[in-house]
């Protein structure tokens, strides 16, 4: 138990301003504003300025050859990967691989803005980390610190011929429920975390089904 607690402390320390800040940013962008949704017949506005409507495109596929996985980005979703990346971060230790949202984060609404965020963290920075399951404890501490509650115990989750450690979380604000599921794998010395945020279990299932892991 003492060794496990020490590992958790090291993980939290190393993630510090990087992953914690990223989780806070993602939650801020996905949480509903609880304001009336914008009129779809007119341009949305941000601080009085018109925000261009997102361009509808066919479903695209994000491919990552380094870590051998692909993700089918839902039709019409908005990518914010470059805007959320930290250029000052050491690429050998931390990478934001993909950040996509159901609607532009600037547009207010009264529902959860579903999202998919994929990150890679160097396992070498975390002495004692041997399996993907070892990352679930610190991940749970980070997520629950943002107001979420664990939705059951972590478990192994099959993605094609591969498996990942999975942890589910839930957060209720008024009448709105937000769900988060995170899948964790270890590859090439990196911890790869796939985070899915949506308003229902069915939506979470649809998002996770778009992930493909090669053995």
N, C-alpha and C. Protein backbone atom coordinates (compact mmCIF):
# COMPACT_ATOMS: atom_id res chain seq x y z
N UNK A 1 0.84 -1.20 0.00
CA UNK A 1 0.00 0.00 0.00
C UNK A 1 0.87 1.25 0.00
N UNK A 2 1.97 1.21 0.80
CA UNK A 2 2.85 2.37 0.87
C UNK A 2 3.50 2.65 -0.48
N UNK A 3 3.92 1.56 -1.17
CA UNK A 3 4.55 1.73 -2.47
C UNK A 3 3.58 2.29 -3.48
N UNK A 4 2.32 1.81 -3.42
CA UNK A 4 1.29 2.31 -4.34
C UNK A 4 1.03 3.78 -4.12
N UNK A 5 0.93 4.21 -2.86
CA UNK A 5 0.70 5.61 -2.55
C UNK A 5 1.84 6.47 -3.05
N UNK A 6 3.08 5.95 -2.93
CA UNK A 6 4.24 6.69 -3.41
C UNK A 6 4.18 6.87 -4.92
N UNK A 7 3.76 5.82 -5.62
CA UNK A 7 3.62 5.89 -7.08
C UNK A 7 2.58 6.93 -7.46
N UNK A 8 1.45 6.93 -6.76
CA UNK A 8 0.40 7.92 -7.02
C UNK A 8 0.94 9.32 -6.85
N UNK A 9 1.71 9.53 -5.79
CA UNK A 9 2.25 10.88 -5.53
C UNK A 9 3.18 11.31 -6.65
N UNK A 10 4.02 10.39 -7.12
CA UNK A 10 4.95 10.73 -8.20
C UNK A 10 4.20 11.04 -9.48
N UNK A 11 3.17 10.26 -9.76
CA UNK A 11 2.38 10.48 -10.97
C UNK A 11 1.72 11.86 -10.93
N UNK A 12 1.13 12.18 -9.80
CA UNK A 12 0.44 13.46 -9.69
C UNK A 12 1.44 14.61 -9.78
N UNK A 13 2.61 14.43 -9.21
CA UNK A 13 3.61 15.49 -9.26
C UNK A 13 4.08 15.73 -10.69
N UNK A 14 4.37 14.68 -11.42
CA UNK A 14 4.89 14.84 -12.77
C UNK A 14 3.84 15.42 -13.71
N UNK A 15 2.57 15.07 -13.48
CA UNK A 15 1.54 15.59 -14.38
C UNK A 15 1.28 17.07 -14.11
N UNK A 16 1.34 17.46 -12.84
CA UNK A 16 1.23 18.84 -12.42
C UNK A 16 0.49 19.78 -13.32
N UNK A 17 1.22 20.77 -13.87
CA UNK A 17 0.64 21.83 -14.67
C UNK A 17 0.24 21.35 -16.07
N UNK A 18 0.59 20.10 -16.39
CA UNK A 18 0.33 19.61 -17.74
C UNK A 18 -1.04 18.95 -17.83
N UNK A 19 -1.18 17.75 -17.29
CA UNK A 19 -2.42 17.01 -17.46
C UNK A 19 -3.56 17.60 -16.66
N UNK A 20 -3.28 18.07 -15.44
CA UNK A 20 -4.34 18.67 -14.63
C UNK A 20 -4.93 19.87 -15.36
N UNK A 21 -4.05 20.72 -15.91
CA UNK A 21 -4.52 21.89 -16.64
C UNK A 21 -5.33 21.47 -17.85
N UNK A 22 -4.88 20.41 -18.52
CA UNK A 22 -5.58 19.96 -19.73
C UNK A 22 -6.97 19.42 -19.37
N UNK A 23 -7.06 18.63 -18.28
CA UNK A 23 -8.35 18.11 -17.86
C UNK A 23 -9.29 19.25 -17.50
N UNK A 24 -8.76 20.26 -16.79
CA UNK A 24 -9.59 21.40 -16.41
C UNK A 24 -10.08 22.13 -17.65
N UNK A 25 -9.23 22.27 -18.65
CA UNK A 25 -9.61 22.96 -19.87
C UNK A 25 -10.67 22.17 -20.63
N UNK A 26 -10.48 20.86 -20.73
CA UNK A 26 -11.45 20.02 -21.44
C UNK A 26 -12.81 20.08 -20.75
N UNK A 27 -12.82 20.01 -19.41
CA UNK A 27 -14.08 20.06 -18.69
C UNK A 27 -14.76 21.41 -18.87
N UNK A 28 -13.97 22.48 -18.87
CA UNK A 28 -14.55 23.82 -19.06
C UNK A 28 -15.19 23.93 -20.44
N UNK A 29 -14.60 23.27 -21.41
CA UNK A 29 -15.12 23.36 -22.78
C UNK A 29 -16.32 22.45 -23.00
N UNK A 30 -16.44 21.40 -22.20
CA UNK A 30 -17.51 20.43 -22.43
C UNK A 30 -18.71 20.62 -21.50
N UNK A 31 -18.50 21.22 -20.34
CA UNK A 31 -19.62 21.42 -19.42
C UNK A 31 -20.67 22.35 -20.04
N UNK A 32 -21.96 22.01 -19.89
CA UNK A 32 -22.99 22.89 -20.43
C UNK A 32 -23.01 24.22 -19.69
N UNK A 33 -23.31 25.27 -20.40
CA UNK A 33 -23.36 26.60 -19.78
C UNK A 33 -24.68 26.82 -19.06
N UNK A 34 -25.67 25.95 -19.32
CA UNK A 34 -27.00 26.08 -18.75
C UNK A 34 -27.66 27.38 -19.17
N UNK A 35 -27.24 27.90 -20.33
CA UNK A 35 -27.88 29.05 -20.93
C UNK A 35 -28.70 28.57 -22.12
N UNK A 36 -29.71 29.35 -22.58
CA UNK A 36 -30.49 28.93 -23.74
C UNK A 36 -29.59 28.66 -24.93
N UNK A 37 -29.86 27.58 -25.64
CA UNK A 37 -29.07 27.26 -26.82
C UNK A 37 -29.25 28.33 -27.88
N UNK A 38 -28.22 28.50 -28.71
CA UNK A 38 -28.28 29.51 -29.74
C UNK A 38 -29.31 29.14 -30.81
N UNK A 39 -29.90 30.13 -31.39
CA UNK A 39 -30.86 29.92 -32.47
C UNK A 39 -30.12 29.38 -33.69
N UNK A 40 -30.46 28.16 -34.11
CA UNK A 40 -29.75 27.54 -35.22
C UNK A 40 -30.01 28.23 -36.54
N UNK A 41 -31.00 29.10 -36.61
CA UNK A 41 -31.32 29.77 -37.87
C UNK A 41 -30.46 31.00 -38.11
N UNK A 42 -29.66 31.38 -37.10
CA UNK A 42 -28.80 32.54 -37.25
C UNK A 42 -27.40 32.21 -36.79
N UNK A 43 -26.44 33.09 -37.07
CA UNK A 43 -25.06 32.85 -36.67
C UNK A 43 -24.94 33.00 -35.16
N UNK A 44 -24.15 32.10 -34.56
CA UNK A 44 -23.90 32.20 -33.13
C UNK A 44 -23.01 33.40 -32.87
N UNK A 45 -23.08 33.92 -31.64
CA UNK A 45 -22.28 35.09 -31.32
C UNK A 45 -21.46 34.86 -30.07
N UNK A 46 -20.28 35.43 -30.05
CA UNK A 46 -19.40 35.38 -28.91
C UNK A 46 -18.96 36.80 -28.62
N UNK A 47 -19.38 37.30 -27.45
CA UNK A 47 -19.08 38.69 -27.08
C UNK A 47 -19.53 39.66 -28.18
N UNK A 48 -20.69 39.40 -28.77
CA UNK A 48 -21.25 40.31 -29.75
C UNK A 48 -20.72 40.11 -31.16
N UNK A 49 -19.74 39.22 -31.33
CA UNK A 49 -19.17 38.99 -32.65
C UNK A 49 -19.66 37.67 -33.22
N UNK A 50 -19.96 37.63 -34.51
CA UNK A 50 -20.46 36.39 -35.10
C UNK A 50 -19.39 35.31 -35.13
N UNK A 51 -19.80 34.10 -34.80
CA UNK A 51 -18.90 32.95 -34.86
C UNK A 51 -19.31 32.10 -36.06
N UNK A 52 -18.43 31.89 -37.01
CA UNK A 52 -18.79 31.12 -38.20
C UNK A 52 -19.27 29.72 -37.83
N UNK A 53 -20.31 29.27 -38.51
CA UNK A 53 -20.83 27.93 -38.27
C UNK A 53 -19.80 26.92 -38.73
N UNK A 54 -19.67 25.77 -38.02
CA UNK A 54 -18.68 24.78 -38.41
C UNK A 54 -18.99 24.18 -39.77
N UNK A 55 -17.96 23.95 -40.56
CA UNK A 55 -18.16 23.36 -41.87
C UNK A 55 -18.42 21.86 -41.73
N UNK A 56 -19.47 21.38 -42.35
CA UNK A 56 -19.81 19.97 -42.28
C UNK A 56 -18.91 19.19 -43.24
N UNK A 57 -18.25 18.16 -42.72
CA UNK A 57 -17.39 17.34 -43.56
C UNK A 57 -17.72 15.88 -43.32
N UNK A 58 -17.25 15.02 -44.22
CA UNK A 58 -17.47 13.59 -44.05
C UNK A 58 -16.66 13.09 -42.87
N UNK A 59 -17.04 11.95 -42.32
CA UNK A 59 -16.33 11.36 -41.21
C UNK A 59 -14.87 11.13 -41.60
N UNK A 60 -13.95 11.64 -40.82
CA UNK A 60 -12.53 11.50 -41.12
C UNK A 60 -11.88 10.54 -40.12
N UNK A 61 -10.74 10.03 -40.50
CA UNK A 61 -10.05 9.07 -39.65
C UNK A 61 -8.71 9.63 -39.20
N UNK A 62 -8.49 9.70 -37.90
CA UNK A 62 -7.21 10.10 -37.35
C UNK A 62 -6.37 8.84 -37.23
N UNK A 63 -5.20 8.83 -37.82
CA UNK A 63 -4.31 7.67 -37.79
C UNK A 63 -3.03 8.02 -37.04
N UNK A 64 -2.64 7.14 -36.13
CA UNK A 64 -1.39 7.34 -35.40
C UNK A 64 -0.54 6.09 -35.58
N UNK A 65 0.46 6.20 -36.47
CA UNK A 65 1.32 5.06 -36.77
C UNK A 65 2.27 4.75 -35.61
N UNK A 66 2.68 5.78 -34.85
CA UNK A 66 3.61 5.57 -33.74
C UNK A 66 3.04 4.62 -32.69
N UNK A 67 1.77 4.82 -32.36
CA UNK A 67 1.15 4.02 -31.31
C UNK A 67 0.13 3.02 -31.85
N UNK A 68 0.06 2.87 -33.16
CA UNK A 68 -0.75 1.84 -33.82
C UNK A 68 -2.23 1.87 -33.43
N UNK A 69 -2.87 3.02 -33.67
CA UNK A 69 -4.31 3.09 -33.47
C UNK A 69 -4.92 4.09 -34.44
N UNK A 70 -6.21 3.97 -34.65
CA UNK A 70 -6.95 4.93 -35.47
C UNK A 70 -8.22 5.32 -34.73
N UNK A 71 -8.72 6.52 -35.04
CA UNK A 71 -9.99 6.95 -34.46
C UNK A 71 -10.83 7.64 -35.53
N UNK A 72 -12.06 7.19 -35.66
CA UNK A 72 -12.98 7.78 -36.63
C UNK A 72 -13.66 8.99 -35.98
N UNK A 73 -13.28 10.17 -36.43
CA UNK A 73 -13.86 11.40 -35.88
C UNK A 73 -15.30 11.54 -36.39
N UNK A 74 -16.27 11.69 -35.49
CA UNK A 74 -17.67 11.79 -35.91
C UNK A 74 -17.90 12.91 -36.93
N UNK A 75 -18.84 12.70 -37.79
CA UNK A 75 -19.20 13.65 -38.84
C UNK A 75 -19.52 15.02 -38.25
N UNK A 76 -18.87 16.05 -38.79
CA UNK A 76 -19.19 17.42 -38.40
C UNK A 76 -18.55 17.89 -37.11
N UNK A 77 -17.76 17.05 -36.43
CA UNK A 77 -17.14 17.48 -35.18
C UNK A 77 -16.02 18.49 -35.43
N UNK A 78 -15.68 19.24 -34.39
CA UNK A 78 -14.70 20.32 -34.49
C UNK A 78 -13.39 19.92 -33.82
N UNK A 79 -12.28 20.09 -34.53
CA UNK A 79 -10.98 19.75 -33.95
C UNK A 79 -10.33 20.98 -33.33
N UNK A 80 -9.78 20.79 -32.14
CA UNK A 80 -9.10 21.86 -31.43
C UNK A 80 -7.71 21.41 -30.93
N UNK A 81 -7.13 20.42 -31.59
CA UNK A 81 -5.87 19.86 -31.13
C UNK A 81 -4.76 20.92 -31.06
N UNK A 82 -4.54 21.64 -32.15
CA UNK A 82 -3.45 22.61 -32.18
C UNK A 82 -3.66 23.72 -31.16
N UNK A 83 -4.92 24.17 -31.00
CA UNK A 83 -5.20 25.26 -30.07
C UNK A 83 -4.95 24.85 -28.62
N UNK A 84 -5.10 23.55 -28.31
CA UNK A 84 -4.95 23.08 -26.93
C UNK A 84 -3.56 22.55 -26.62
N UNK A 85 -2.74 22.36 -27.63
CA UNK A 85 -1.40 21.83 -27.40
C UNK A 85 -0.53 22.85 -26.67
N UNK A 86 0.34 22.33 -25.83
CA UNK A 86 1.28 23.18 -25.10
C UNK A 86 2.62 23.10 -25.81
N UNK A 87 2.97 24.14 -26.55
CA UNK A 87 4.21 24.15 -27.33
C UNK A 87 5.46 24.08 -26.46
N UNK A 88 5.31 24.46 -25.19
CA UNK A 88 6.47 24.46 -24.30
C UNK A 88 6.74 23.09 -23.68
N UNK A 89 5.78 22.17 -23.84
CA UNK A 89 5.93 20.85 -23.22
C UNK A 89 7.00 20.04 -23.95
N UNK A 90 7.69 19.20 -23.20
CA UNK A 90 8.70 18.33 -23.77
C UNK A 90 8.00 17.22 -24.55
N UNK A 91 8.18 17.16 -25.88
CA UNK A 91 7.48 16.16 -26.68
C UNK A 91 7.83 14.73 -26.31
N UNK A 92 8.98 14.53 -25.64
CA UNK A 92 9.37 13.18 -25.23
C UNK A 92 8.61 12.75 -23.98
N UNK A 93 7.98 13.70 -23.29
CA UNK A 93 7.27 13.38 -22.05
C UNK A 93 5.76 13.49 -22.17
N UNK A 94 5.29 14.45 -22.92
CA UNK A 94 3.85 14.67 -22.97
C UNK A 94 3.40 15.12 -24.36
N UNK A 95 2.32 14.54 -24.84
CA UNK A 95 1.78 14.92 -26.14
C UNK A 95 0.26 14.93 -26.09
N UNK A 96 -0.32 15.96 -26.67
CA UNK A 96 -1.77 15.96 -26.91
C UNK A 96 -1.92 15.50 -28.35
N UNK A 97 -2.48 14.32 -28.54
CA UNK A 97 -2.57 13.74 -29.88
C UNK A 97 -3.82 14.18 -30.63
N UNK A 98 -4.93 14.28 -29.92
CA UNK A 98 -6.20 14.64 -30.59
C UNK A 98 -7.17 15.24 -29.58
N UNK A 99 -7.86 16.30 -29.99
CA UNK A 99 -8.92 16.91 -29.18
C UNK A 99 -10.03 17.36 -30.13
N UNK A 100 -11.17 16.69 -30.07
CA UNK A 100 -12.29 17.01 -30.95
C UNK A 100 -13.56 17.17 -30.12
N UNK A 101 -14.45 18.07 -30.60
CA UNK A 101 -15.67 18.39 -29.87
C UNK A 101 -16.88 18.31 -30.81
N UNK A 102 -18.03 18.00 -30.20
CA UNK A 102 -19.25 17.88 -30.99
C UNK A 102 -19.65 19.22 -31.60
N UNK A 103 -19.44 20.29 -30.86
CA UNK A 103 -19.74 21.63 -31.37
C UNK A 103 -18.63 22.58 -30.93
N UNK A 104 -18.51 23.72 -31.59
CA UNK A 104 -17.47 24.67 -31.21
C UNK A 104 -17.60 25.05 -29.73
N UNK A 105 -16.52 25.00 -28.97
CA UNK A 105 -16.59 25.34 -27.55
C UNK A 105 -17.10 26.74 -27.29
N UNK A 106 -16.97 27.65 -28.30
CA UNK A 106 -17.41 29.03 -28.10
C UNK A 106 -18.93 29.17 -28.12
N UNK A 107 -19.62 28.16 -28.65
CA UNK A 107 -21.07 28.24 -28.78
C UNK A 107 -21.74 27.72 -27.52
N UNK A 108 -22.57 28.55 -26.89
CA UNK A 108 -23.25 28.14 -25.67
C UNK A 108 -24.37 27.17 -25.97
N UNK A 109 -24.73 26.39 -24.95
CA UNK A 109 -25.82 25.43 -25.11
C UNK A 109 -26.23 24.91 -23.75
N UNK A 110 -27.30 24.12 -23.71
CA UNK A 110 -27.78 23.60 -22.43
C UNK A 110 -27.57 22.09 -22.32
N UNK A 111 -26.67 21.55 -23.14
CA UNK A 111 -26.34 20.13 -23.08
C UNK A 111 -24.83 19.96 -23.05
N UNK A 112 -24.41 18.76 -22.72
CA UNK A 112 -22.98 18.46 -22.67
C UNK A 112 -22.39 18.53 -24.08
N UNK A 113 -21.27 19.20 -24.21
CA UNK A 113 -20.55 19.26 -25.47
C UNK A 113 -19.64 18.04 -25.52
N UNK A 114 -20.10 16.97 -26.16
CA UNK A 114 -19.34 15.72 -26.19
C UNK A 114 -17.95 15.95 -26.77
N UNK A 115 -16.98 15.15 -26.30
CA UNK A 115 -15.60 15.35 -26.72
C UNK A 115 -14.81 14.06 -26.66
N UNK A 116 -13.73 14.05 -27.43
CA UNK A 116 -12.75 12.95 -27.38
C UNK A 116 -11.37 13.58 -27.29
N UNK A 117 -10.62 13.22 -26.26
CA UNK A 117 -9.28 13.76 -26.07
C UNK A 117 -8.31 12.58 -25.89
N UNK A 118 -7.25 12.57 -26.69
CA UNK A 118 -6.26 11.49 -26.63
C UNK A 118 -4.90 12.08 -26.30
N UNK A 119 -4.28 11.56 -25.25
CA UNK A 119 -2.98 12.08 -24.82
C UNK A 119 -1.97 10.94 -24.69
N UNK A 120 -0.69 11.29 -24.73
CA UNK A 120 0.40 10.34 -24.52
C UNK A 120 1.36 10.92 -23.50
N UNK A 121 1.64 10.16 -22.44
CA UNK A 121 2.56 10.59 -21.39
C UNK A 121 3.70 9.58 -21.30
N UNK A 122 4.91 10.05 -21.14
CA UNK A 122 6.06 9.16 -21.04
C UNK A 122 6.00 8.33 -19.77
N UNK A 123 6.03 7.02 -19.92
CA UNK A 123 6.01 6.13 -18.76
C UNK A 123 7.33 6.20 -18.00
N UNK A 124 8.40 6.61 -18.68
CA UNK A 124 9.72 6.70 -18.04
C UNK A 124 9.75 7.76 -16.94
N UNK A 125 8.83 8.71 -17.01
CA UNK A 125 8.78 9.77 -16.00
C UNK A 125 8.15 9.28 -14.70
N UNK A 126 7.55 8.09 -14.72
CA UNK A 126 6.81 7.57 -13.58
C UNK A 126 7.41 6.26 -13.08
N UNK A 127 8.45 6.31 -12.24
CA UNK A 127 9.05 5.09 -11.71
C UNK A 127 8.01 4.21 -11.00
N UNK A 128 8.01 2.95 -11.31
CA UNK A 128 7.06 2.04 -10.68
C UNK A 128 5.84 1.73 -11.52
N UNK A 129 5.64 2.48 -12.60
CA UNK A 129 4.50 2.23 -13.48
C UNK A 129 4.82 1.05 -14.39
N UNK A 130 4.09 -0.05 -14.22
CA UNK A 130 4.38 -1.26 -14.99
C UNK A 130 3.22 -1.67 -15.91
N UNK A 131 2.00 -1.36 -15.53
CA UNK A 131 0.84 -1.74 -16.33
C UNK A 131 -0.09 -0.55 -16.50
N UNK A 132 -0.99 -0.66 -17.48
CA UNK A 132 -1.97 0.40 -17.70
C UNK A 132 -2.85 0.59 -16.47
N UNK A 133 -3.12 -0.51 -15.77
CA UNK A 133 -3.97 -0.44 -14.57
C UNK A 133 -3.34 0.42 -13.48
N UNK A 134 -1.99 0.50 -13.47
CA UNK A 134 -1.31 1.32 -12.46
C UNK A 134 -1.64 2.80 -12.63
N UNK A 135 -2.06 3.19 -13.83
CA UNK A 135 -2.35 4.60 -14.11
C UNK A 135 -3.77 4.99 -13.69
N UNK A 136 -4.62 3.98 -13.44
CA UNK A 136 -6.02 4.25 -13.14
C UNK A 136 -6.19 5.00 -11.82
N UNK A 137 -5.40 4.66 -10.81
CA UNK A 137 -5.52 5.34 -9.51
C UNK A 137 -5.30 6.83 -9.61
N UNK A 138 -4.15 7.27 -10.14
CA UNK A 138 -3.91 8.70 -10.30
C UNK A 138 -4.93 9.36 -11.22
N UNK A 139 -5.34 8.66 -12.28
CA UNK A 139 -6.34 9.20 -13.19
C UNK A 139 -7.65 9.45 -12.45
N UNK A 140 -8.01 8.52 -11.57
CA UNK A 140 -9.24 8.66 -10.79
C UNK A 140 -9.15 9.86 -9.84
N UNK A 141 -7.99 10.04 -9.21
CA UNK A 141 -7.81 11.18 -8.32
C UNK A 141 -7.95 12.50 -9.07
N UNK A 142 -7.37 12.56 -10.26
CA UNK A 142 -7.45 13.77 -11.06
C UNK A 142 -8.89 14.07 -11.47
N UNK A 143 -9.59 13.04 -11.92
CA UNK A 143 -10.95 13.22 -12.42
C UNK A 143 -11.93 13.56 -11.32
N UNK A 144 -11.83 12.87 -10.20
CA UNK A 144 -12.75 13.15 -9.09
C UNK A 144 -12.49 14.52 -8.48
N UNK A 145 -11.26 15.05 -8.64
CA UNK A 145 -10.98 16.39 -8.13
C UNK A 145 -11.73 17.45 -8.93
N UNK A 146 -12.25 17.07 -10.10
CA UNK A 146 -13.02 17.99 -10.94
C UNK A 146 -14.53 17.83 -10.74
N UNK A 147 -14.92 17.12 -9.68
CA UNK A 147 -16.34 16.99 -9.38
C UNK A 147 -17.00 15.72 -9.86
N UNK A 148 -16.24 14.83 -10.49
CA UNK A 148 -16.79 13.56 -10.94
C UNK A 148 -16.78 12.53 -9.82
N UNK A 149 -17.59 11.48 -9.98
CA UNK A 149 -17.58 10.34 -9.08
C UNK A 149 -17.32 9.09 -9.90
N UNK A 150 -16.61 8.14 -9.31
CA UNK A 150 -16.35 6.89 -10.01
C UNK A 150 -17.67 6.15 -10.23
N UNK A 151 -17.84 5.61 -11.41
CA UNK A 151 -19.05 4.86 -11.75
C UNK A 151 -18.69 3.38 -11.84
N UNK A 152 -18.42 2.78 -10.69
CA UNK A 152 -18.01 1.39 -10.65
C UNK A 152 -16.50 1.25 -10.64
N UNK A 153 -16.04 0.03 -10.48
CA UNK A 153 -14.60 -0.23 -10.45
C UNK A 153 -14.01 -0.24 -11.85
N UNK A 154 -12.71 0.01 -11.93
CA UNK A 154 -12.01 -0.07 -13.22
C UNK A 154 -11.98 -1.52 -13.67
N UNK A 155 -11.88 -1.72 -14.97
CA UNK A 155 -11.89 -3.09 -15.49
C UNK A 155 -11.20 -3.14 -16.85
N UNK A 156 -10.92 -4.36 -17.31
CA UNK A 156 -10.31 -4.53 -18.62
C UNK A 156 -11.38 -4.40 -19.69
N UNK A 157 -11.04 -3.68 -20.76
CA UNK A 157 -12.00 -3.40 -21.83
C UNK A 157 -11.38 -3.82 -23.15
N UNK A 158 -12.11 -4.62 -23.92
CA UNK A 158 -11.59 -5.11 -25.20
C UNK A 158 -11.84 -4.10 -26.32
N UNK A 159 -10.81 -3.84 -27.07
CA UNK A 159 -10.91 -3.00 -28.27
C UNK A 159 -10.33 -3.83 -29.41
N UNK A 160 -11.19 -4.54 -30.10
CA UNK A 160 -10.72 -5.47 -31.12
C UNK A 160 -9.93 -6.58 -30.47
N UNK A 161 -8.71 -6.81 -30.96
CA UNK A 161 -7.85 -7.87 -30.42
C UNK A 161 -7.02 -7.38 -29.24
N UNK A 162 -7.14 -6.11 -28.90
CA UNK A 162 -6.35 -5.53 -27.80
C UNK A 162 -7.24 -5.26 -26.60
N UNK A 163 -6.60 -5.02 -25.47
CA UNK A 163 -7.34 -4.68 -24.25
C UNK A 163 -6.77 -3.41 -23.64
N UNK A 164 -7.62 -2.71 -22.91
CA UNK A 164 -7.21 -1.47 -22.24
C UNK A 164 -7.79 -1.48 -20.83
N UNK A 165 -7.18 -0.72 -19.95
CA UNK A 165 -7.76 -0.52 -18.62
C UNK A 165 -8.79 0.60 -18.76
N UNK A 166 -9.98 0.38 -18.22
CA UNK A 166 -11.06 1.37 -18.39
C UNK A 166 -11.59 1.83 -17.04
N UNK A 167 -11.82 3.13 -16.94
CA UNK A 167 -12.42 3.72 -15.75
C UNK A 167 -13.55 4.64 -16.18
N UNK A 168 -14.71 4.52 -15.54
CA UNK A 168 -15.89 5.32 -15.88
C UNK A 168 -16.21 6.28 -14.74
N UNK A 169 -16.66 7.48 -15.13
CA UNK A 169 -16.98 8.51 -14.15
C UNK A 169 -18.29 9.19 -14.52
N UNK A 170 -18.91 9.84 -13.53
CA UNK A 170 -20.18 10.53 -13.77
C UNK A 170 -20.22 11.81 -12.94
N UNK A 171 -20.84 12.84 -13.50
CA UNK A 171 -21.00 14.11 -12.80
C UNK A 171 -22.36 14.69 -13.13
N UNK A 172 -23.09 15.12 -12.10
CA UNK A 172 -24.42 15.69 -12.30
C UNK A 172 -24.43 17.14 -11.86
N UNK A 173 -24.88 18.01 -12.76
CA UNK A 173 -25.01 19.44 -12.46
C UNK A 173 -26.45 19.82 -12.77
N UNK A 174 -27.24 20.03 -11.72
CA UNK A 174 -28.66 20.30 -11.93
C UNK A 174 -29.33 19.10 -12.58
N UNK A 175 -29.94 19.31 -13.72
CA UNK A 175 -30.62 18.23 -14.43
C UNK A 175 -29.74 17.62 -15.52
N UNK A 176 -28.50 18.09 -15.61
CA UNK A 176 -27.60 17.62 -16.67
C UNK A 176 -26.58 16.63 -16.11
N UNK A 177 -26.45 15.50 -16.78
CA UNK A 177 -25.50 14.47 -16.38
C UNK A 177 -24.39 14.37 -17.41
N UNK A 178 -23.15 14.39 -16.95
CA UNK A 178 -21.99 14.22 -17.82
C UNK A 178 -21.30 12.92 -17.47
N UNK A 179 -20.97 12.16 -18.49
CA UNK A 179 -20.26 10.90 -18.30
C UNK A 179 -18.88 10.98 -18.95
N UNK A 180 -17.93 10.35 -18.29
CA UNK A 180 -16.58 10.28 -18.85
C UNK A 180 -16.06 8.86 -18.73
N UNK A 181 -15.51 8.36 -19.81
CA UNK A 181 -14.85 7.05 -19.79
C UNK A 181 -13.44 7.23 -20.33
N UNK A 182 -12.48 6.68 -19.62
CA UNK A 182 -11.08 6.78 -20.05
C UNK A 182 -10.51 5.38 -20.24
N UNK A 183 -9.89 5.16 -21.40
CA UNK A 183 -9.21 3.90 -21.69
C UNK A 183 -7.72 4.17 -21.66
N UNK A 184 -6.96 3.27 -21.04
CA UNK A 184 -5.52 3.46 -20.89
C UNK A 184 -4.77 2.24 -21.41
N UNK A 185 -3.74 2.50 -22.22
CA UNK A 185 -2.86 1.44 -22.70
C UNK A 185 -1.41 1.90 -22.57
N UNK A 186 -0.47 0.95 -22.57
CA UNK A 186 0.95 1.26 -22.58
C UNK A 186 1.53 0.83 -23.92
N UNK A 187 2.21 1.75 -24.59
CA UNK A 187 2.83 1.42 -25.87
C UNK A 187 4.10 2.22 -26.08
N UNK A 188 5.16 1.52 -26.46
CA UNK A 188 6.44 2.14 -26.80
C UNK A 188 6.93 3.09 -25.72
N UNK A 189 6.72 2.70 -24.48
CA UNK A 189 7.20 3.52 -23.38
C UNK A 189 6.32 4.70 -23.04
N UNK A 190 5.10 4.74 -23.58
CA UNK A 190 4.18 5.84 -23.32
C UNK A 190 2.86 5.30 -22.74
N UNK A 191 2.24 6.12 -21.89
CA UNK A 191 0.90 5.86 -21.42
C UNK A 191 -0.05 6.59 -22.35
N UNK A 192 -0.88 5.86 -23.07
CA UNK A 192 -1.84 6.47 -23.99
C UNK A 192 -3.20 6.47 -23.32
N UNK A 193 -3.79 7.64 -23.18
CA UNK A 193 -5.09 7.77 -22.51
C UNK A 193 -6.12 8.31 -23.49
N UNK A 194 -7.18 7.54 -23.69
CA UNK A 194 -8.29 7.93 -24.56
C UNK A 194 -9.46 8.34 -23.65
N UNK A 195 -9.81 9.61 -23.67
CA UNK A 195 -10.88 10.12 -22.81
C UNK A 195 -12.10 10.49 -23.65
N UNK A 196 -13.25 9.93 -23.28
CA UNK A 196 -14.50 10.17 -23.99
C UNK A 196 -15.49 10.84 -23.03
N UNK A 197 -16.07 11.95 -23.45
CA UNK A 197 -17.03 12.69 -22.62
C UNK A 197 -18.33 12.85 -23.39
N UNK A 198 -19.45 12.54 -22.75
CA UNK A 198 -20.76 12.63 -23.40
C UNK A 198 -21.85 12.72 -22.34
N UNK A 199 -23.09 12.83 -22.80
CA UNK A 199 -24.21 13.00 -21.88
C UNK A 199 -24.94 11.72 -21.53
N UNK A 200 -24.57 10.59 -22.16
CA UNK A 200 -25.27 9.34 -21.86
C UNK A 200 -24.36 8.15 -22.13
N UNK A 201 -24.73 7.00 -21.59
CA UNK A 201 -23.95 5.78 -21.80
C UNK A 201 -23.96 5.39 -23.27
N UNK A 202 -25.09 5.56 -23.94
CA UNK A 202 -25.19 5.21 -25.35
C UNK A 202 -24.21 6.03 -26.19
N UNK A 203 -24.10 7.32 -25.87
CA UNK A 203 -23.17 8.19 -26.60
C UNK A 203 -21.73 7.77 -26.34
N UNK A 204 -21.42 7.41 -25.09
CA UNK A 204 -20.08 6.94 -24.75
C UNK A 204 -19.75 5.69 -25.56
N UNK A 205 -20.72 4.77 -25.63
CA UNK A 205 -20.51 3.54 -26.39
C UNK A 205 -20.24 3.84 -27.86
N UNK A 206 -20.99 4.77 -28.42
CA UNK A 206 -20.80 5.13 -29.84
C UNK A 206 -19.41 5.70 -30.06
N UNK A 207 -18.93 6.50 -29.12
CA UNK A 207 -17.61 7.12 -29.27
C UNK A 207 -16.49 6.09 -29.12
N UNK A 208 -16.61 5.19 -28.16
CA UNK A 208 -15.55 4.20 -27.96
C UNK A 208 -15.50 3.20 -29.11
N UNK A 209 -16.62 2.95 -29.75
CA UNK A 209 -16.64 2.01 -30.86
C UNK A 209 -15.88 2.53 -32.08
N UNK A 210 -15.61 3.82 -32.11
CA UNK A 210 -14.88 4.40 -33.24
C UNK A 210 -13.36 4.27 -33.09
N UNK A 211 -12.92 3.72 -31.95
CA UNK A 211 -11.50 3.52 -31.71
C UNK A 211 -11.07 2.14 -32.18
N UNK A 212 -9.95 2.10 -32.85
CA UNK A 212 -9.39 0.83 -33.32
C UNK A 212 -7.93 0.74 -32.89
N UNK A 213 -7.59 -0.33 -32.14
CA UNK A 213 -6.23 -0.55 -31.67
C UNK A 213 -5.63 -1.75 -32.40
N UNK A 214 -4.45 -1.56 -32.93
CA UNK A 214 -3.77 -2.68 -33.56
C UNK A 214 -2.92 -3.38 -32.49
N UNK A 215 -2.87 -4.70 -32.53
CA UNK A 215 -2.09 -5.45 -31.52
C UNK A 215 -0.63 -5.00 -31.50
